[in-house]
Protein backbone atom coordinates (compact mmCIF):
# COMPACT_ATOMS: atom_id res chain seq x y z
CA MET A 1 5.34 -84.48 12.74
CA THR A 2 7.37 -85.99 15.54
CA THR A 3 6.40 -86.53 18.98
CA ALA A 4 9.14 -84.30 20.33
CA ARG A 5 7.76 -81.48 18.35
CA ILE A 6 4.28 -81.77 19.56
CA LEU A 7 5.23 -81.96 23.02
CA SER A 8 7.48 -79.05 22.67
CA SER A 9 4.55 -77.07 21.46
CA ALA A 10 2.47 -77.05 24.61
CA PRO A 11 2.39 -73.65 26.63
CA GLN A 12 3.33 -75.50 29.80
CA ALA A 13 7.14 -77.03 29.63
CA LEU A 14 7.74 -80.46 30.79
CA THR A 15 9.76 -80.76 34.01
CA VAL A 16 12.12 -83.50 32.09
CA ASP A 17 13.82 -83.85 29.06
CA VAL A 18 11.21 -83.69 26.25
CA ALA A 19 13.52 -86.27 24.35
CA LEU A 20 12.90 -88.74 26.98
CA VAL A 21 9.22 -88.19 27.19
CA ALA A 22 9.02 -88.55 23.31
CA ALA A 23 11.16 -91.76 23.22
CA ALA A 24 9.18 -93.39 25.86
CA ILE A 25 5.79 -92.49 23.93
CA ASP A 26 7.13 -93.68 20.83
CA ALA A 27 8.52 -97.00 22.08
CA ALA A 28 5.14 -97.37 23.97
CA ASN A 29 3.25 -97.02 20.67
CA GLN A 30 5.68 -99.44 18.96
CA CYS A 31 5.55 -102.08 21.42
CA ALA A 32 1.64 -101.79 21.54
CA ILE A 33 1.52 -102.29 17.72
CA VAL A 34 4.05 -104.90 17.83
CA CYS A 35 2.58 -106.86 20.70
CA SER A 36 -0.99 -106.92 18.71
CA ALA A 37 0.77 -108.24 15.64
CA CYS A 38 2.40 -110.78 17.60
CA ALA A 39 -0.96 -111.83 19.37
CA SER A 40 -2.39 -112.30 15.93
CA ALA A 41 0.37 -114.35 14.72
CA CYS A 42 0.40 -116.48 17.72
CA LEU A 43 -3.12 -117.28 17.00
CA SER A 44 -2.32 -118.33 13.62
CA GLU A 45 0.53 -120.44 14.90
CA GLY A 46 -1.95 -122.69 16.62
CA GLY A 47 -0.53 -125.01 19.79
CA GLU A 48 0.31 -123.89 23.14
CA MET A 49 0.66 -120.09 22.64
CA ALA A 50 -2.24 -118.69 24.95
CA THR A 51 -0.12 -117.43 27.49
CA CYS A 52 1.94 -115.42 24.88
CA VAL A 53 -1.28 -114.16 23.23
CA ARG A 54 -2.64 -113.12 26.64
CA ASP A 55 0.77 -111.58 27.77
CA ASP A 56 0.68 -109.60 24.24
CA LEU A 57 -2.85 -108.35 24.45
CA ASP A 58 -2.14 -106.95 28.12
CA CYS A 59 0.98 -105.51 26.93
CA ALA A 60 -0.33 -103.84 23.90
CA ASP A 61 -3.36 -102.37 26.08
CA ILE A 62 -1.15 -101.15 29.03
CA CYS A 63 1.55 -99.57 26.38
CA SER A 64 -1.03 -97.82 24.34
CA THR A 65 -2.74 -96.65 27.48
CA THR A 66 0.59 -95.25 28.74
CA ALA A 67 1.63 -93.65 25.51
CA ARG A 68 -1.64 -91.65 25.54
CA VAL A 69 -1.16 -90.44 29.49
CA LEU A 70 2.46 -89.56 28.61
CA SER A 71 1.24 -87.35 25.64
CA ARG A 72 -0.57 -85.09 28.61
CA LEU A 73 2.62 -85.31 31.05
CA ASN A 74 2.96 -81.39 31.21
CA ALA A 75 -0.60 -81.39 33.26
CA SER A 76 -0.65 -84.98 34.99
CA ASP A 77 0.29 -86.33 38.50
CA LYS A 78 3.70 -87.33 38.87
CA GLN A 79 2.99 -90.31 41.10
CA LEU A 80 0.26 -91.55 38.79
CA THR A 81 2.76 -91.23 35.95
CA LEU A 82 5.47 -93.20 37.90
CA SER A 83 2.90 -95.70 38.76
CA LEU A 84 1.82 -96.09 35.20
CA LEU A 85 5.33 -96.42 33.90
CA ALA A 86 6.14 -98.90 36.25
CA THR A 87 3.17 -100.90 35.20
CA CYS A 88 4.10 -100.65 31.69
CA ILE A 89 7.53 -101.94 32.42
CA GLU A 90 6.10 -104.86 34.38
CA ALA A 91 3.70 -105.85 31.14
CA CYS A 92 6.67 -105.43 28.79
CA VAL A 93 8.84 -107.72 31.13
CA GLU A 94 6.14 -110.20 31.41
CA CYS A 95 5.35 -110.18 27.59
CA ALA A 96 8.89 -110.36 26.72
CA GLY A 97 9.25 -113.37 29.07
CA SER A 98 6.27 -115.05 27.13
CA CYS A 99 7.84 -114.58 23.70
CA GLU A 100 11.37 -115.17 24.53
CA PRO A 101 11.09 -118.91 24.60
CA HIS A 102 9.65 -118.93 21.19
CA VAL A 103 11.99 -116.67 19.37
CA GLN A 104 14.17 -119.44 17.58
CA HIS A 105 10.79 -120.51 15.73
CA HIS A 106 8.73 -117.37 15.56
CA GLU A 107 10.19 -114.03 14.06
CA HIS A 108 7.07 -112.26 15.36
CA CYS A 109 7.83 -113.43 18.92
CA ARG A 110 11.72 -112.15 18.65
CA LEU A 111 10.57 -108.86 17.32
CA CYS A 112 7.82 -108.49 19.89
CA ALA A 113 10.55 -109.32 22.71
CA GLU A 114 12.62 -106.80 21.29
CA ALA A 115 10.02 -104.03 21.05
CA CYS A 116 9.05 -104.99 24.95
CA ARG A 117 12.67 -104.61 26.00
CA ALA A 118 13.11 -101.39 23.99
CA CYS A 119 9.99 -99.93 25.92
CA GLU A 120 11.18 -101.16 29.07
CA GLN A 121 14.30 -99.35 28.74
CA ALA A 122 12.54 -96.09 27.63
CA CYS A 123 10.16 -96.23 30.49
CA GLN A 124 12.73 -96.85 32.86
CA ALA A 125 14.91 -93.61 31.71
CA LEU A 126 11.86 -91.79 32.01
CA ILE A 127 11.23 -92.79 35.61
CA ASP A 128 14.62 -92.19 36.42
CA ALA A 129 14.45 -88.38 35.05
CA LEU A 130 11.15 -87.84 37.07
CA LYS A 131 12.40 -89.10 40.14
CA ALA A 132 15.30 -86.62 39.85
CA VAL A 133 12.93 -83.50 39.71
């Protein structure tokens, strides 16, 4: 089952493109998973990875929450949704910034930064669409 399909099955239609909402949900879920895995891998690396671990875990929690709230978008408060999306973007930017210095040596950090940037873009696209309605 796809995210767009379940969103489309709701009796109340969304005010924005279902594909944008589904993309943000999928990107946020993917980011949460990748950030959690990166945090675990960073812990195994040893050394000075504490900031990366903390930012990974914060981002994973915020992305996971964002995905769940967006799945209820047809009944949510627009301003709350915009604030949550902005917070998710902020967490993704912070996490990507913590991972990017390590991408040459740690593949998990490269993948994490990539997932964060994709989530950031998907959330920004949804913010833009929500502001237009």
